[in-house]
PDB file of N, CA and C in Angstrom:
ATOM      1  N   MET A   1       0.822  -1.338  -0.025  1.00  0.00           N
ATOM      2  CA  MET A   1       0.064   0.087  -0.226  1.00  0.00           C
ATOM      3  C   MET A   1       0.879   1.210   0.049  1.00  0.00           C
ATOM      4  N   GLY A   2       0.523   2.222   0.500  1.00  0.00           N
ATOM      5  CA  GLY A   2       1.401   3.708   0.594  1.00  0.00           C
ATOM      6  C   GLY A   2       2.414   3.411   1.368  1.00  0.00           C
ATOM      7  N   ASN A   3       3.188   4.634   1.446  1.00  0.00           N
ATOM      8  CA  ASN A   3       4.343   4.875   2.132  1.00  0.00           C
ATOM      9  C   ASN A   3       4.674   6.232   1.941  1.00  0.00           C
ATOM     10  N   VAL A   4       5.256   6.822   2.904  1.00  0.00           N
ATOM     11  CA  VAL A   4       5.591   8.115   2.983  1.00  0.00           C
ATOM     12  C   VAL A   4       6.761   8.640   1.781  1.00  0.00           C
ATOM     13  N   GLU A   5       7.523   7.466   1.507  1.00  0.00           N
ATOM     14  CA  GLU A   5       8.542   7.918   0.372  1.00  0.00           C
ATOM     15  C   GLU A   5       7.933   8.144  -1.038  1.00  0.00           C
ATOM     16  N   ARG A   6       6.730   7.580  -1.231  1.00  0.00           N
ATOM     17  CA  ARG A   6       5.900   7.776  -2.278  1.00  0.00           C
ATOM     18  C   ARG A   6       5.050   9.207  -2.579  1.00  0.00           C
ATOM     19  N   CYS A   7       5.160   9.900  -1.247  1.00  0.00           N
ATOM     20  CA  CYS A   7       4.278  10.851  -1.295  1.00  0.00           C
ATOM     21  C   CYS A   7       5.007  12.184  -1.969  1.00  0.00           C
ATOM     22  N   ASP A   8       4.486  12.865  -2.926  1.00  0.00           N
ATOM     23  CA  ASP A   8       4.835  14.126  -3.503  1.00  0.00           C
ATOM     24  C   ASP A   8       4.365  15.394  -3.108  1.00  0.00           C
ATOM     25  N   LYS A   9       5.141  15.773  -2.084  1.00  0.00           N
ATOM     26  CA  LYS A   9       4.939  16.905  -1.376  1.00  0.00           C
ATOM     27  C   LYS A   9       4.597  18.282  -2.082  1.00  0.00           C
ATOM     28  N   THR A  10       4.669  18.317  -3.373  1.00  0.00           N
ATOM     29  CA  THR A  10       4.420  19.202  -4.291  1.00  0.00           C
ATOM     30  C   THR A  10       2.914  19.192  -4.965  1.00  0.00           C
ATOM     31  N   LEU A  11       2.444  18.226  -4.720  1.00  0.00           N
ATOM     32  CA  LEU A  11       1.069  17.610  -5.356  1.00  0.00           C
ATOM     33  C   LEU A  11      -0.027  18.546  -5.037  1.00  0.00           C
ATOM     34  N   PRO A  12      -0.863  19.151  -6.035  1.00  0.00           N
ATOM     35  CA  PRO A  12      -1.570  20.001  -5.334  1.00  0.00           C
ATOM     36  C   PRO A  12      -2.827  19.176  -4.713  1.00  0.00           C
ATOM     37  N   THR A  13      -3.063  17.966  -4.724  1.00  0.00           N
ATOM     38  CA  THR A  13      -4.023  17.301  -3.937  1.00  0.00           C
ATOM     39  C   THR A  13      -3.709  17.569  -2.462  1.00  0.00           C
ATOM     40  N   ASN A  14      -2.559  17.192  -2.060  1.00  0.00           N
ATOM     41  CA  ASN A  14      -1.971  17.219  -0.656  1.00  0.00           C
ATOM     42  C   ASN A  14      -2.323  18.681  -0.061  1.00  0.00           C
ATOM     43  N   GLU A  15      -2.107  19.689  -0.898  1.00  0.00           N
ATOM     44  CA  GLU A  15      -2.256  21.141  -0.308  1.00  0.00           C
ATOM     45  C   GLU A  15      -3.735  21.369  -0.226  1.00  0.00           C
ATOM     46  N   MET A  16      -4.468  20.827  -1.328  1.00  0.00           N
ATOM     47  CA  MET A  16      -5.993  21.147  -1.130  1.00  0.00           C
ATOM     48  C   MET A  16      -6.748  20.311   0.169  1.00  0.00           C
ATOM     49  N   ILE A  17      -6.183  19.244   0.416  1.00  0.00           N
ATOM     50  CA  ILE A  17      -6.903  18.415   1.403  1.00  0.00           C
ATOM     51  C   ILE A  17      -6.325  19.132   2.646  1.00  0.00           C
ATOM     52  N   TYR A  18      -5.277  19.499   3.043  1.00  0.00           N
ATOM     53  CA  TYR A  18      -4.859  20.170   4.081  1.00  0.00           C
ATOM     54  C   TYR A  18      -5.840  21.465   4.377  1.00  0.00           C
ATOM     55  N   HIS A  19      -6.094  21.994   3.431  1.00  0.00           N
ATOM     56  CA  HIS A  19      -6.680  23.417   3.775  1.00  0.00           C
ATOM     57  C   HIS A  19      -8.217  22.986   3.768  1.00  0.00           C
ATOM     58  N   VAL A  20      -8.839  22.005   2.921  1.00  0.00           N
ATOM     59  CA  VAL A  20     -10.094  21.284   3.291  1.00  0.00           C
ATOM     60  C   VAL A  20     -10.434  20.707   4.299  1.00  0.00           C
ATOM     61  N   ARG A  21      -9.535  20.226   5.082  1.00  0.00           N
ATOM     62  CA  ARG A  21      -9.740  19.569   6.394  1.00  0.00           C
ATOM     63  C   ARG A  21      -9.868  20.718   7.488  1.00  0.00           C
ATOM     64  N   ARG A  22      -9.307  21.761   7.114  1.00  0.00           N
ATOM     65  CA  ARG A  22      -9.297  23.004   8.216  1.00  0.00           C
ATOM     66  C   ARG A  22     -10.220  23.896   8.150  1.00  0.00           C
ATOM     67  N   THR A  23     -11.038  23.926   6.861  1.00  0.00           N
ATOM     68  CA  THR A  23     -12.042  25.061   6.663  1.00  0.00           C
ATOM     69  C   THR A  23     -13.331  24.565   6.232  1.00  0.00           C
ATOM     70  N   ALA A  24     -14.331  24.870   7.220  1.00  0.00           N
ATOM     71  CA  ALA A  24     -15.912  24.417   7.103  1.00  0.00           C
ATOM     72  C   ALA A  24     -16.333  24.813   5.687  1.00  0.00           C
ATOM     73  N   ALA A  25     -16.057  25.988   5.188  1.00  0.00           N
ATOM     74  CA  ALA A  25     -16.640  26.449   4.025  1.00  0.00           C
ATOM     75  C   ALA A  25     -15.771  25.301   2.708  1.00  0.00           C
ATOM     76  N   LEU A  26     -14.608  25.283   3.061  1.00  0.00           N
ATOM     77  CA  LEU A  26     -14.442  24.264   1.806  1.00  0.00           C
ATOM     78  C   LEU A  26     -14.659  23.096   2.068  1.00  0.00           C
ATOM     79  N   ARG A  27     -14.785  22.410   3.214  1.00  0.00           N
ATOM     80  CA  ARG A  27     -15.451  21.028   3.258  1.00  0.00           C
ATOM     81  C   ARG A  27     -16.584  20.963   2.565  1.00  0.00           C
ATOM     82  N   ALA A  28     -17.460  22.033   2.746  1.00  0.00           N
ATOM     83  CA  ALA A  28     -18.950  22.015   1.945  1.00  0.00           C
ATOM     84  C   ALA A  28     -18.684  21.768   0.801  1.00  0.00           C
ATOM     85  N   ARG A  29     -17.543  22.981   0.103  1.00  0.00           N
ATOM     86  CA  ARG A  29     -17.618  22.789  -1.217  1.00  0.00           C
ATOM     87  C   ARG A  29     -16.960  21.407  -1.813  1.00  0.00           C
ATOM     88  N   PHE A  30     -16.338  20.902  -0.963  1.00  0.00           N
ATOM     89  CA  PHE A  30     -15.619  19.457  -1.624  1.00  0.00           C
ATOM     90  C   PHE A  30     -16.801  18.660  -1.980  1.00  0.00           C
ATOM     91  N   LEU A  31     -17.758  18.734  -1.140  1.00  0.00           N
ATOM     92  CA  LEU A  31     -18.994  17.821  -1.393  1.00  0.00           C
ATOM     93  C   LEU A  31     -19.828  18.496  -2.404  1.00  0.00           C
ATOM     94  N   THR A  32     -19.858  19.710  -2.649  1.00  0.00           N
ATOM     95  CA  THR A  32     -20.794  20.240  -3.752  1.00  0.00           C
ATOM     96  C   THR A  32     -20.337  20.748  -5.000  1.00  0.00           C
ATOM     97  N   ASP A  33     -19.056  20.997  -5.041  1.00  0.00           N
ATOM     98  CA  ASP A  33     -18.481  21.521  -6.181  1.00  0.00           C
ATOM     99  C   ASP A  33     -16.985  21.142  -6.260  1.00  0.00           C
ATOM    100  N   LEU A  34     -16.585  19.739  -6.130  1.00  0.00           N
ATOM    101  CA  LEU A  34     -15.310  19.299  -6.159  1.00  0.00           C
ATOM    102  C   LEU A  34     -14.475  19.608  -7.404  1.00  0.00           C
ATOM    103  N   GLU A  35     -15.068  19.514  -8.392  1.00  0.00           N
ATOM    104  CA  GLU A  35     -14.421  19.983  -9.725  1.00  0.00           C
ATOM    105  C   GLU A  35     -14.106  21.224  -9.696  1.00  0.00           C
ATOM    106  N   GLY A  36     -14.755  21.963  -9.173  1.00  0.00           N
ATOM    107  CA  GLY A  36     -14.633  23.640  -9.122  1.00  0.00           C
ATOM    108  C   GLY A  36     -13.105  24.010  -8.157  1.00  0.00           C
ATOM    109  N   LEU A  37     -13.327  23.078  -6.869  1.00  0.00           N
ATOM    110  CA  LEU A  37     -12.592  23.336  -5.988  1.00  0.00           C
ATOM    111  C   LEU A  37     -11.009  22.807  -6.651  1.00  0.00           C
ATOM    112  N   ALA A  38     -11.013  21.599  -7.197  1.00  0.00           N
ATOM    113  CA  ALA A  38      -9.890  20.887  -7.635  1.00  0.00           C
ATOM    114  C   ALA A  38      -9.208  21.866  -8.595  1.00  0.00           C
ATOM    115  N   ARG A  39     -10.138  22.653  -9.592  1.00  0.00           N
ATOM    116  CA  ARG A  39      -9.446  23.583 -10.339  1.00  0.00           C
ATOM    117  C   ARG A  39      -8.779  24.657  -9.647  1.00  0.00           C
ATOM    118  N   GLU A  40      -9.558  25.225  -8.656  1.00  0.00           N
ATOM    119  CA  GLU A  40      -8.884  26.140  -7.764  1.00  0.00           C
ATOM    120  C   GLU A  40      -7.429  26.014  -7.450  1.00  0.00           C
ATOM    121  N   PHE A  41      -7.396  24.614  -7.068  1.00  0.00           N
ATOM    122  CA  PHE A  41      -6.068  24.103  -6.219  1.00  0.00           C
ATOM    123  C   PHE A  41      -5.131  23.953  -7.315  1.00  0.00           C
ATOM    124  N   GLY A  42      -5.363  23.824  -8.437  1.00  0.00           N
ATOM    125  CA  GLY A  42      -4.783  23.141  -9.480  1.00  0.00           C
ATOM    126  C   GLY A  42      -4.299  21.767  -9.749  1.00  0.00           C
ATOM    127  N   LEU A  43      -5.358  20.986  -9.498  1.00  0.00           N
ATOM    128  CA  LEU A  43      -5.183  19.501  -9.668  1.00  0.00           C
ATOM    129  C   LEU A  43      -5.097  19.233 -10.967  1.00  0.00           C
ATOM    130  N   SER A  44      -4.481  18.251 -11.430  1.00  0.00           N
ATOM    131  CA  SER A  44      -4.219  17.500 -12.844  1.00  0.00           C
ATOM    132  C   SER A  44      -5.770  17.001 -12.782  1.00  0.00           C
ATOM    133  N   ARG A  45      -5.956  16.201 -14.058  1.00  0.00           N
ATOM    134  CA  ARG A  45      -7.188  15.675 -14.193  1.00  0.00           C
ATOM    135  C   ARG A  45      -7.048  14.334 -13.789  1.00  0.00           C
ATOM    136  N   ALA A  46      -6.011  13.840 -13.763  1.00  0.00           N
ATOM    137  CA  ALA A  46      -5.717  12.529 -13.147  1.00  0.00           C
ATOM    138  C   ALA A  46      -5.942  12.376 -11.614  1.00  0.00           C
ATOM    139  N   GLU A  47      -5.531  13.782 -10.851  1.00  0.00           N
ATOM    140  CA  GLU A  47      -5.804  13.979  -9.683  1.00  0.00           C
ATOM    141  C   GLU A  47      -7.228  13.968  -9.142  1.00  0.00           C
ATOM    142  N   TYR A  48      -8.036  14.720  -9.750  1.00  0.00           N
ATOM    143  CA  TYR A  48      -9.318  15.124  -9.510  1.00  0.00           C
ATOM    144  C   TYR A  48     -10.143  13.838  -9.870  1.00  0.00           C
ATOM    145  N   GLU A  49      -9.933  12.858 -10.866  1.00  0.00           N
ATOM    146  CA  GLU A  49     -10.550  11.932 -11.374  1.00  0.00           C
ATOM    147  C   GLU A  49     -10.333  10.835 -10.200  1.00  0.00           C
ATOM    148  N   ALA A  50      -9.121  10.669  -9.604  1.00  0.00           N
ATOM    149  CA  ALA A  50      -8.819   9.667  -8.473  1.00  0.00           C
ATOM    150  C   ALA A  50      -9.530  10.195  -7.084  1.00  0.00           C
ATOM    151  N   VAL A  51      -9.705  11.573  -6.907  1.00  0.00           N
ATOM    152  CA  VAL A  51     -10.316  11.688  -5.625  1.00  0.00           C
ATOM    153  C   VAL A  51     -11.751  11.515  -5.884  1.00  0.00           C
ATOM    154  N   ARG A  52     -12.267  12.228  -7.191  1.00  0.00           N
ATOM    155  CA  ARG A  52     -13.780  11.969  -7.383  1.00  0.00           C
ATOM    156  C   ARG A  52     -13.980  10.729  -7.249  1.00  0.00           C
ATOM    157  N   ASP A  53     -13.481   9.608  -8.034  1.00  0.00           N
ATOM    158  CA  ASP A  53     -13.769   8.167  -7.958  1.00  0.00           C
ATOM    159  C   ASP A  53     -13.323   7.462  -6.602  1.00  0.00           C
ATOM    160  N   ARG A  54     -12.857   8.065  -5.649  1.00  0.00           N
ATOM    161  CA  ARG A  54     -12.638   7.580  -4.333  1.00  0.00           C
ATOM    162  C   ARG A  54     -11.574   6.422  -4.572  1.00  0.00           C
ATOM    163  N   ASP A  55     -10.580   6.511  -5.341  1.00  0.00           N
ATOM    164  CA  ASP A  55      -9.828   5.570  -5.583  1.00  0.00           C
ATOM    165  C   ASP A  55      -8.562   5.673  -4.828  1.00  0.00           C
ATOM    166  N   PRO A  56      -8.182   4.917  -3.671  1.00  0.00           N
ATOM    167  CA  PRO A  56      -7.066   5.068  -3.082  1.00  0.00           C
ATOM    168  C   PRO A  56      -6.015   4.811  -3.771  1.00  0.00           C
ATOM    169  N   ARG A  57      -5.884   3.615  -4.385  1.00  0.00           N
ATOM    170  CA  ARG A  57      -4.904   3.107  -5.160  1.00  0.00           C
ATOM    171  C   ARG A  57      -4.146   4.175  -6.032  1.00  0.00           C
ATOM    172  N   ARG A  58      -5.050   4.886  -6.913  1.00  0.00           N
ATOM    173  CA  ARG A  58      -4.651   5.755  -7.788  1.00  0.00           C
ATOM    174  C   ARG A  58      -4.335   7.104  -7.198  1.00  0.00           C
ATOM    175  N   MET A  59      -4.709   7.481  -5.906  1.00  0.00           N
ATOM    176  CA  MET A  59      -4.456   8.572  -5.446  1.00  0.00           C
ATOM    177  C   MET A  59      -2.965   8.411  -4.789  1.00  0.00           C
ATOM    178  N   MET A  60      -2.712   7.250  -4.231  1.00  0.00           N
ATOM    179  CA  MET A  60      -1.161   6.872  -3.667  1.00  0.00           C
ATOM    180  C   MET A  60      -0.388   6.889  -4.840  1.00  0.00           C
ATOM    181  N   ASP A  61      -0.673   6.112  -6.064  1.00  0.00           N
ATOM    182  CA  ASP A  61      -0.013   6.240  -7.064  1.00  0.00           C
ATOM    183  C   ASP A  61       0.457   7.636  -7.446  1.00  0.00           C
ATOM    184  N   LEU A  62      -0.580   8.537  -7.412  1.00  0.00           N
ATOM    185  CA  LEU A  62      -0.094   9.594  -7.831  1.00  0.00           C
ATOM    186  C   LEU A  62       0.657  10.451  -7.035  1.00  0.00           C
ATOM    187  N   GLY A  63       0.993  10.291  -5.729  1.00  0.00           N
ATOM    188  CA  GLY A  63       1.586  11.066  -4.647  1.00  0.00           C
ATOM    189  C   GLY A  63       0.841  11.543  -3.562  1.00  0.00           C
ATOM    190  N   VAL A  64      -0.368  11.243  -3.383  1.00  0.00           N
ATOM    191  CA  VAL A  64      -1.388  11.905  -2.297  1.00  0.00           C
ATOM    192  C   VAL A  64      -0.687  11.030  -1.253  1.00  0.00           C
ATOM    193  N   HIS A  65      -0.332  11.911   0.008  1.00  0.00           N
ATOM    194  CA  HIS A  65       0.159  11.245   1.139  1.00  0.00           C
ATOM    195  C   HIS A  65      -0.908  10.501   1.802  1.00  0.00           C
ATOM    196  N   GLN A  66      -0.100   9.354   2.110  1.00  0.00           N
ATOM    197  CA  GLN A  66      -1.062   8.133   2.718  1.00  0.00           C
ATOM    198  C   GLN A  66      -1.908   8.576   3.907  1.00  0.00           C
ATOM    199  N   TYR A  67      -1.631   9.604   4.718  1.00  0.00           N
ATOM    200  CA  TYR A  67      -2.347  10.287   5.600  1.00  0.00           C
ATOM    201  C   TYR A  67      -3.498  10.586   5.139  1.00  0.00           C
ATOM    202  N   TYR A  68      -3.809  11.355   4.023  1.00  0.00           N
ATOM    203  CA  TYR A  68      -4.762  12.223   3.634  1.00  0.00           C
ATOM    204  C   TYR A  68      -5.582  11.523   2.858  1.00  0.00           C
ATOM    205  N   VAL A  69      -5.463  10.049   2.408  1.00  0.00           N
ATOM    206  CA  VAL A  69      -6.068   9.170   1.670  1.00  0.00           C
ATOM    207  C   VAL A  69      -7.654   9.042   2.327  1.00  0.00           C
ATOM    208  N   PRO A  70      -7.240   8.461   3.757  1.00  0.00           N
ATOM    209  CA  PRO A  70      -8.371   8.082   4.787  1.00  0.00           C
ATOM    210  C   PRO A  70      -9.179   9.341   4.955  1.00  0.00           C
ATOM    211  N   GLN A  71      -8.461  10.414   4.945  1.00  0.00           N
ATOM    212  CA  GLN A  71      -8.991  11.635   5.358  1.00  0.00           C
ATOM    213  C   GLN A  71     -10.009  12.274   4.177  1.00  0.00           C
ATOM    214  N   ILE A  72      -9.538  11.823   2.794  1.00  0.00           N
ATOM    215  CA  ILE A  72     -10.552  12.079   1.515  1.00  0.00           C
ATOM    216  C   ILE A  72     -11.576  11.319   1.838  1.00  0.00           C
ATOM    217  N   LEU A  73     -11.455   9.866   2.099  1.00  0.00           N
ATOM    218  CA  LEU A  73     -12.738   9.083   2.160  1.00  0.00           C
ATOM    219  C   LEU A  73     -13.618   9.457   3.124  1.00  0.00           C
ATOM    220  N   ARG A  74     -13.129   9.875   4.538  1.00  0.00           N
ATOM    221  CA  ARG A  74     -14.242  10.524   5.467  1.00  0.00           C
ATOM    222  C   ARG A  74     -14.779  11.423   5.109  1.00  0.00           C
ATOM    223  N   LEU A  75     -14.222  12.606   4.189  1.00  0.00           N
ATOM    224  CA  LEU A  75     -14.864  13.742   3.506  1.00  0.00           C
ATOM    225  C   LEU A  75     -16.203  13.245   2.750  1.00  0.00           C
ATOM    226  N   PHE A  76     -16.139  12.202   1.883  1.00  0.00           N
ATOM    227  CA  PHE A  76     -17.175  11.556   1.269  1.00  0.00           C
ATOM    228  C   PHE A  76     -18.024  10.703   2.027  1.00  0.00           C
ATOM    229  N   PHE A  77     -17.554   9.723   2.875  1.00  0.00           N
ATOM    230  CA  PHE A  77     -18.412   8.794   3.559  1.00  0.00           C
ATOM    231  C   PHE A  77     -18.538   9.090   5.109  1.00  0.00           C
ATOM    232  N   GLY A  78     -18.041  10.158   5.766  1.00  0.00           N
ATOM    233  CA  GLY A  78     -18.177  10.463   7.102  1.00  0.00           C
ATOM    234  C   GLY A  78     -17.007   9.498   7.891  1.00  0.00           C
ATOM    235  N   ALA A  79     -16.878   9.656   9.211  1.00  0.00           N
ATOM    236  CA  ALA A  79     -16.429   8.866  10.030  1.00  0.00           C
ATOM    237  C   ALA A  79     -17.079   7.866  10.850  1.00  0.00           C
ATOM    238  N   ALA A  80     -18.268   8.076  10.948  1.00  0.00           N
ATOM    239  CA  ALA A  80     -19.250   7.190  11.633  1.00  0.00           C
ATOM    240  C   ALA A  80     -19.095   5.678  11.087  1.00  0.00           C
ATOM    241  N   HIS A  81     -19.546   4.670  11.858  1.00  0.00           N
ATOM    242  CA  HIS A  81     -19.657   3.335  11.024  1.00  0.00           C
ATOM    243  C   HIS A  81     -18.480   2.938  10.643  1.00  0.00           C
ATOM    244  N   ASN A  82     -17.152   3.255  11.068  1.00  0.00           N
ATOM    245  CA  ASN A  82     -16.023   2.523  10.506  1.00  0.00           C
ATOM    246  C   ASN A  82     -16.005   1.108  11.093  1.00  0.00           C
ATOM    247  N   SER A  83     -16.458   0.504  10.001  1.00  0.00           N
ATOM    248  CA  SER A  83     -16.473  -1.113  10.463  1.00  0.00           C
ATOM    249  C   SER A  83     -15.919  -1.925   9.295  1.00  0.00           C
ATOM    250  N   ASN A  84     -15.842  -3.286   9.283  1.00  0.00           N
ATOM    251  CA  ASN A  84     -15.562  -4.035   7.988  1.00  0.00           C
ATOM    252  C   ASN A  84     -16.499  -4.041   6.818  1.00  0.00           C
ATOM    253  N   ALA A  85     -17.705  -3.272   7.162  1.00  0.00           N
ATOM    254  CA  ALA A  85     -18.430  -3.194   5.859  1.00  0.00           C
ATOM    255  C   ALA A  85     -18.647  -1.541   5.482  1.00  0.00           C
ATOM    256  N   SER A  86     -17.804  -0.889   6.070  1.00  0.00           N
ATOM    257  CA  SER A  86     -17.812   0.748   5.880  1.00  0.00           C
ATOM    258  C   SER A  86     -17.525   1.115   4.315  1.00  0.00           C
ATOM    259  N   ALA A  87     -18.311   1.856   3.963  1.00  0.00           N
ATOM    260  CA  ALA A  87     -18.035   2.119   2.408  1.00  0.00           C
ATOM    261  C   ALA A  87     -16.587   2.790   2.303  1.00  0.00           C
ATOM    262  N   ALA A  88     -15.902   3.461   3.172  1.00  0.00           N
ATOM    263  CA  ALA A  88     -14.293   3.642   2.931  1.00  0.00           C
ATOM    264  C   ALA A  88     -13.691   2.572   2.989  1.00  0.00           C
ATOM    265  N   LEU A  89     -13.977   1.538   3.813  1.00  0.00           N
ATOM    266  CA  LEU A  89     -13.080   0.225   3.517  1.00  0.00           C
ATOM    267  C   LEU A  89     -13.543  -0.418   2.363  1.00  0.00           C
ATOM    268  N   GLU A  90     -14.545  -0.458   1.990  1.00  0.00           N
ATOM    269  CA  GLU A  90     -14.745  -1.042   0.472  1.00  0.00           C
ATOM    270  C   GLU A  90     -14.050  -0.523  -0.648  1.00  0.00           C
ATOM    271  N   CYS A  91     -13.452   0.812  -0.479  1.00  0.00           N
ATOM    272  CA  CYS A  91     -13.052   1.482  -1.560  1.00  0.00           C
ATOM    273  C   CYS A  91     -11.637   1.054  -1.323  1.00  0.00           C
ATOM    274  N   TYR A  92     -10.897   0.785  -0.352  1.00  0.00           N
ATOM    275  CA  TYR A  92      -9.556   0.323  -0.069  1.00  0.00           C
ATOM    276  C   TYR A  92      -9.523  -1.320  -0.647  1.00  0.00           C
ATOM    277  N   GLN A  93     -10.546  -2.200  -0.317  1.00  0.00           N
ATOM    278  CA  GLN A  93     -10.711  -3.411  -1.015  1.00  0.00           C
ATOM    279  C   GLN A  93     -10.828  -3.284  -2.257  1.00  0.00           C
ATOM    280  N   ARG A  94     -11.739  -2.665  -2.953  1.00  0.00           N
ATOM    281  CA  ARG A  94     -11.651  -2.583  -4.419  1.00  0.00           C
ATOM    282  C   ARG A  94     -10.243  -2.220  -4.941  1.00  0.00           C
ATOM    283  N   ALA A  95      -9.312  -1.286  -4.165  1.00  0.00           N
ATOM    284  CA  ALA A  95      -8.228  -0.972  -4.755  1.00  0.00           C
ATOM    285  C   ALA A  95      -7.065  -1.720  -4.601  1.00  0.00           C
ATOM    286  N   PHE A  96      -7.055  -2.493  -3.601  1.00  0.00           N
ATOM    287  CA  PHE A  96      -6.007  -3.443  -3.079  1.00  0.00           C
ATOM    288  C   PHE A  96      -6.760  -4.966  -2.820  1.00  0.00           C
ATOM    289  N   PRO A  97      -7.048  -5.488  -3.809  1.00  0.00           N
ATOM    290  CA  PRO A  97      -7.892  -6.849  -3.668  1.00  0.00           C
ATOM    291  C   PRO A  97      -6.590  -7.794  -3.258  1.00  0.00           C
ATOM    292  N   GLU A  98      -5.468  -7.891  -3.898  1.00  0.00           N
ATOM    293  CA  GLU A  98      -4.462  -8.938  -3.127  1.00  0.00           C
ATOM    294  C   GLU A  98      -4.326  -8.622  -1.876  1.00  0.00           C
ATOM    295  N   GLU A  99      -4.031  -7.461  -1.464  1.00  0.00           N
ATOM    296  CA  GLU A  99      -3.550  -7.122  -0.009  1.00  0.00           C
ATOM    297  C   GLU A  99      -4.768  -7.657   0.846  1.00  0.00           C
ATOM    298  N   THR A 100      -6.098  -7.125   0.446  1.00  0.00           N
ATOM    299  CA  THR A 100      -7.120  -7.551   1.198  1.00  0.00           C
ATOM    300  C   THR A 100      -7.482  -9.026   1.408  1.00  0.00           C
ATOM    301  N   ALA A 101      -7.058  -9.673   0.284  1.00  0.00           N
ATOM    302  CA  ALA A 101      -7.187 -11.394   0.381  1.00  0.00           C
ATOM    303  C   ALA A 101      -6.461 -11.952   1.672  1.00  0.00           C
ATOM    304  N   LYS A 102      -4.980 -11.289   1.372  1.00  0.00           N
ATOM    305  CA  LYS A 102      -4.159 -11.686   2.238  1.00  0.00           C
ATOM    306  C   LYS A 102      -4.395 -11.467   3.511  1.00  0.00           C
ATOM    307  N   ALA A 103      -4.711 -10.147   3.937  1.00  0.00           N
ATOM    308  CA  ALA A 103      -5.487  -9.867   5.344  1.00  0.00           C
ATOM    309  C   ALA A 103      -6.403 -10.658   5.837  1.00  0.00           C
ATOM    310  N   MET A 104      -7.455 -10.860   4.882  1.00  0.00           N
ATOM    311  CA  MET A 104      -8.553 -11.601   5.571  1.00  0.00           C
ATOM    312  C   MET A 104      -8.151 -13.069   5.760  1.00  0.00           C
ATOM    313  N   ALA A 105      -7.188 -13.636   4.863  1.00  0.00           N
ATOM    314  CA  ALA A 105      -6.593 -15.287   4.991  1.00  0.00           C
ATOM    315  C   ALA A 105      -5.915 -15.077   6.566  1.00  0.00           C
ATOM    316  N   LEU A 106      -4.993 -14.037   6.691  1.00  0.00           N
ATOM    317  CA  LEU A 106      -4.403 -14.020   8.059  1.00  0.00           C
ATOM    318  C   LEU A 106      -5.314 -13.926   9.332  1.00  0.00           C
ATOM    319  N   GLN A 107      -6.348 -13.057   9.007  1.00  0.00           N
ATOM    320  CA  GLN A 107      -7.402 -12.935  10.298  1.00  0.00           C
ATOM    321  C   GLN A 107      -7.958 -14.443  10.312  1.00  0.00           C
ATOM    322  N   ALA A 108      -8.630 -14.955   9.369  1.00  0.00           N
ATOM    323  CA  ALA A 108      -9.066 -16.322   9.482  1.00  0.00           C
ATOM    324  C   ALA A 108      -8.264 -17.173  10.185  1.00  0.00           C
ATOM    325  N   ARG A 109      -6.877 -17.490   9.556  1.00  0.00           N
ATOM    326  CA  ARG A 109      -5.885 -18.138  10.388  1.00  0.00           C
ATOM    327  C   ARG A 109      -6.014 -17.827  11.770  1.00  0.00           C
ATOM    328  N   LEU A 110      -5.582 -16.806  12.291  1.00  0.00           N
ATOM    329  CA  LEU A 110      -5.684 -16.221  13.572  1.00  0.00           C
ATOM    330  C   LEU A 110      -6.666 -16.554  14.294  1.00  0.00           C
ATOM    331  N   GLU A 111      -7.786 -16.271  13.859  1.00  0.00           N
ATOM    332  CA  GLU A 111      -9.316 -16.734  14.443  1.00  0.00           C
ATOM    333  C   GLU A 111      -9.367 -18.058  14.646  1.00  0.00           C
ATOM    334  N   GLY A 112      -9.058 -19.048  13.830  1.00  0.00           N
ATOM    335  CA  GLY A 112      -9.012 -20.208  13.724  1.00  0.00           C
ATOM    336  C   GLY A 112      -8.318 -20.824  14.720  1.00  0.00           C
ATOM    337  N   GLY A 113      -7.111 -20.303  15.339  1.00  0.00           N
ATOM    338  CA  GLY A 113      -6.252 -20.729  16.352  1.00  0.00           C
ATOM    339  C   GLY A 113      -6.718 -20.625  17.847  1.00  0.00           C
ATOM    340  N   ARG A 114      -7.869 -20.029  17.822  1.00  0.00           N
ATOM    341  CA  ARG A 114      -7.995 -19.651  19.369  1.00  0.00           C
ATOM    342  C   ARG A 114      -8.735 -20.484  20.114  1.00  0.00           C
TER     343      ARG A 114
END
């Protein structure tokens, strides 16, 4: 998955999310005018589409900081109901199917050993 070394500190998405997290008006615009907000912060089309599509893998591949990816998903889905069936987790599962399968297999093995 992600790591800090892959983060592009100059990526407009990172700056946008930094400000969106801190400003209520920007958080509201994130949900109502994401494309306009992305344009104002200078996101590339690829960045905008990765955020719009809620695609953690593409975001990280583009250089979005791994800390901001779950923040972005929380902006879309909220922070409540973080469970194995949450919409945010489903985004990760779609983006990282192999990693998800390995983690679930490990969990089943560990639970089977109880």
